[in-house]
Amino acid sequence: MRVKNNFLLREVVGEKILIAYCGGSADFTKALSLNDSAAYLWHQLQGREFKVDDAVKVMLDAFEVEEAEARQDVEELLASWKAVGCIED
């Protein structure tokens, strides 16, 4: 998988928002609000190929969480990112 380049993480009124940009303008129909751990993962995955296991390892290295919980959270998060189109296989 890979993070698409046309999605940018911005802070808007204290919230971290992932927004699609196309032709120089924002497409708010493809926007997601991210919590701190999701935003951290987004930053860590940018610019590289990754698999689910890679994303889980990022979370395990950064946060005190059980592997099963991290895996479930990562899988749900990646599914939501795929639904919006901000990552590709």
C-alpha atoms as a PDB file:
ATOM      1  CA  MET A   1       0.000   0.000   0.000  1.00  0.00           C
ATOM      2  CA  ARG A   2       0.980   3.613  -0.385  1.00  0.00           C
ATOM      3  CA  VAL A   3      -0.371   6.971   0.824  1.00  0.00           C
ATOM      4  CA  LYS A   4      -1.566   9.080  -2.116  1.00  0.00           C
ATOM      5  CA  ASN A   5       0.267  12.386  -2.555  1.00  0.00           C
ATOM      6  CA  ASN A   6      -2.856  14.492  -3.098  1.00  0.00           C
ATOM      7  CA  PHE A   7      -4.042  14.041   0.508  1.00  0.00           C
ATOM      8  CA  LEU A   8      -2.714  16.441   3.105  1.00  0.00           C
ATOM      9  CA  LEU A   9      -3.074  16.438   6.870  1.00  0.00           C
ATOM     10  CA  ARG A  10      -4.047  19.851   8.193  1.00  0.00           C
ATOM     11  CA  GLU A  11      -5.047  21.157  11.597  1.00  0.00           C
ATOM     12  CA  VAL A  12      -8.354  23.014  11.430  1.00  0.00           C
ATOM     13  CA  VAL A  13      -9.771  24.595  14.578  1.00  0.00           C
ATOM     14  CA  GLY A  14      -7.728  22.211  16.729  1.00  0.00           C
ATOM     15  CA  GLU A  15      -8.710  19.068  14.785  1.00  0.00           C
ATOM     16  CA  LYS A  16      -6.478  17.061  12.510  1.00  0.00           C
ATOM     17  CA  ILE A  17      -8.218  16.740   9.148  1.00  0.00           C
ATOM     18  CA  LEU A  18      -7.059  14.676   6.185  1.00  0.00           C
ATOM     19  CA  ILE A  19      -8.154  16.507   3.026  1.00  0.00           C
ATOM     20  CA  ALA A  20      -7.943  15.631  -0.668  1.00  0.00           C
ATOM     21  CA  TYR A  21      -6.530  18.289  -2.977  1.00  0.00           C
ATOM     22  CA  CYS A  22      -7.197  18.266  -6.697  1.00  0.00           C
ATOM     23  CA  GLY A  23      -6.134  20.976  -9.111  1.00  0.00           C
ATOM     24  CA  GLY A  24      -5.124  23.298  -6.297  1.00  0.00           C
ATOM     25  CA  SER A  25      -8.425  23.192  -4.402  1.00  0.00           C
ATOM     26  CA  ALA A  26      -9.616  21.118  -1.477  1.00  0.00           C
ATOM     27  CA  ASP A  27     -12.236  18.419  -1.926  1.00  0.00           C
ATOM     28  CA  PHE A  28     -14.060  18.305   1.397  1.00  0.00           C
ATOM     29  CA  THR A  29     -16.194  15.382   0.235  1.00  0.00           C
ATOM     30  CA  LYS A  30     -13.031  13.359   0.773  1.00  0.00           C
ATOM     31  CA  ALA A  31     -12.033  14.488   4.240  1.00  0.00           C
ATOM     32  CA  LEU A  32     -11.447  12.570   7.456  1.00  0.00           C
ATOM     33  CA  SER A  33     -10.947  13.685  11.025  1.00  0.00           C
ATOM     34  CA  LEU A  34      -8.001  11.889  12.636  1.00  0.00           C
ATOM     35  CA  ASN A  35      -7.144  11.432  16.281  1.00  0.00           C
ATOM     36  CA  ASP A  36      -3.547  11.885  17.438  1.00  0.00           C
ATOM     37  CA  SER A  37      -2.521   8.257  16.934  1.00  0.00           C
ATOM     38  CA  ALA A  38      -4.059   8.091  13.436  1.00  0.00           C
ATOM     39  CA  ALA A  39      -2.309  11.346  12.502  1.00  0.00           C
ATOM     40  CA  TYR A  40       0.976   9.927  13.823  1.00  0.00           C
ATOM     41  CA  LEU A  41       0.514   6.808  11.706  1.00  0.00           C
ATOM     42  CA  TRP A  42      -0.280   8.929   8.633  1.00  0.00           C
ATOM     43  CA  HIS A  43       2.985  10.857   9.043  1.00  0.00           C
ATOM     44  CA  GLN A  44       4.992   7.656   9.528  1.00  0.00           C
ATOM     45  CA  LEU A  45       3.568   5.984   6.417  1.00  0.00           C
ATOM     46  CA  GLN A  46       3.969   8.874   3.985  1.00  0.00           C
ATOM     47  CA  GLY A  47       6.435   8.374   1.158  1.00  0.00           C
ATOM     48  CA  ARG A  48       6.896   4.635   1.500  1.00  0.00           C
ATOM     49  CA  GLU A  49       5.318   1.323   0.591  1.00  0.00           C
ATOM     50  CA  PHE A  50       3.786  -0.449   3.582  1.00  0.00           C
ATOM     51  CA  LYS A  51       1.756  -3.460   4.602  1.00  0.00           C
ATOM     52  CA  VAL A  52      -0.685  -3.843   7.458  1.00  0.00           C
ATOM     53  CA  ASP A  53       2.077  -5.458   9.546  1.00  0.00           C
ATOM     54  CA  ASP A  54       4.294  -2.394   8.994  1.00  0.00           C
ATOM     55  CA  ALA A  55       1.554  -0.071  10.212  1.00  0.00           C
ATOM     56  CA  VAL A  56       0.913  -2.267  13.249  1.00  0.00           C
ATOM     57  CA  LYS A  57       4.628  -2.183  14.099  1.00  0.00           C
ATOM     58  CA  VAL A  58       4.624   1.626  13.904  1.00  0.00           C
ATOM     59  CA  MET A  59       1.796   1.728  16.422  1.00  0.00           C
ATOM     60  CA  LEU A  60       3.386  -0.847  18.733  1.00  0.00           C
ATOM     61  CA  ASP A  61       6.679   1.050  18.704  1.00  0.00           C
ATOM     62  CA  ALA A  62       5.017   4.382  19.492  1.00  0.00           C
ATOM     63  CA  PHE A  63       2.185   3.499  21.868  1.00  0.00           C
ATOM     64  CA  GLU A  64       1.609   1.189  24.809  1.00  0.00           C
ATOM     65  CA  VAL A  65      -1.001  -1.068  23.264  1.00  0.00           C
ATOM     66  CA  GLU A  66      -1.515  -4.800  22.891  1.00  0.00           C
ATOM     67  CA  GLU A  67      -0.761  -6.186  19.431  1.00  0.00           C
ATOM     68  CA  ALA A  68      -4.299  -7.501  18.895  1.00  0.00           C
ATOM     69  CA  GLU A  69      -5.797  -4.090  19.692  1.00  0.00           C
ATOM     70  CA  ALA A  70      -3.256  -2.284  17.502  1.00  0.00           C
ATOM     71  CA  ARG A  71      -3.958  -4.660  14.610  1.00  0.00           C
ATOM     72  CA  GLN A  72      -7.722  -4.202  14.885  1.00  0.00           C
ATOM     73  CA  ASP A  73      -7.405  -0.414  15.075  1.00  0.00           C
ATOM     74  CA  VAL A  74      -4.969  -0.298  12.137  1.00  0.00           C
ATOM     75  CA  GLU A  75      -7.150  -2.545   9.975  1.00  0.00           C
ATOM     76  CA  GLU A  76     -10.223  -0.377  10.657  1.00  0.00           C
ATOM     77  CA  LEU A  77      -8.275   2.811  10.023  1.00  0.00           C
ATOM     78  CA  LEU A  78      -6.777   1.565   6.767  1.00  0.00           C
ATOM     79  CA  ALA A  79     -10.221   0.426   5.615  1.00  0.00           C
ATOM     80  CA  SER A  80     -11.592   3.938   6.213  1.00  0.00           C
ATOM     81  CA  TRP A  81      -8.619   5.456   4.368  1.00  0.00           C
ATOM     82  CA  LYS A  82      -9.198   3.098   1.442  1.00  0.00           C
ATOM     83  CA  ALA A  83     -12.915   3.991   1.369  1.00  0.00           C
ATOM     84  CA  VAL A  84     -12.055   7.672   0.973  1.00  0.00           C
ATOM     85  CA  GLY A  85      -9.292   6.871  -1.513  1.00  0.00           C
ATOM     86  CA  CYS A  86      -6.297   8.275   0.334  1.00  0.00           C
ATOM     87  CA  ILE A  87      -4.285   5.055   0.135  1.00  0.00           C
ATOM     88  CA  GLU A  88      -3.782   2.658  -2.737  1.00  0.00           C
ATOM     89  CA  ASP A  89      -2.646  -0.946  -3.021  1.00  0.00           C
END
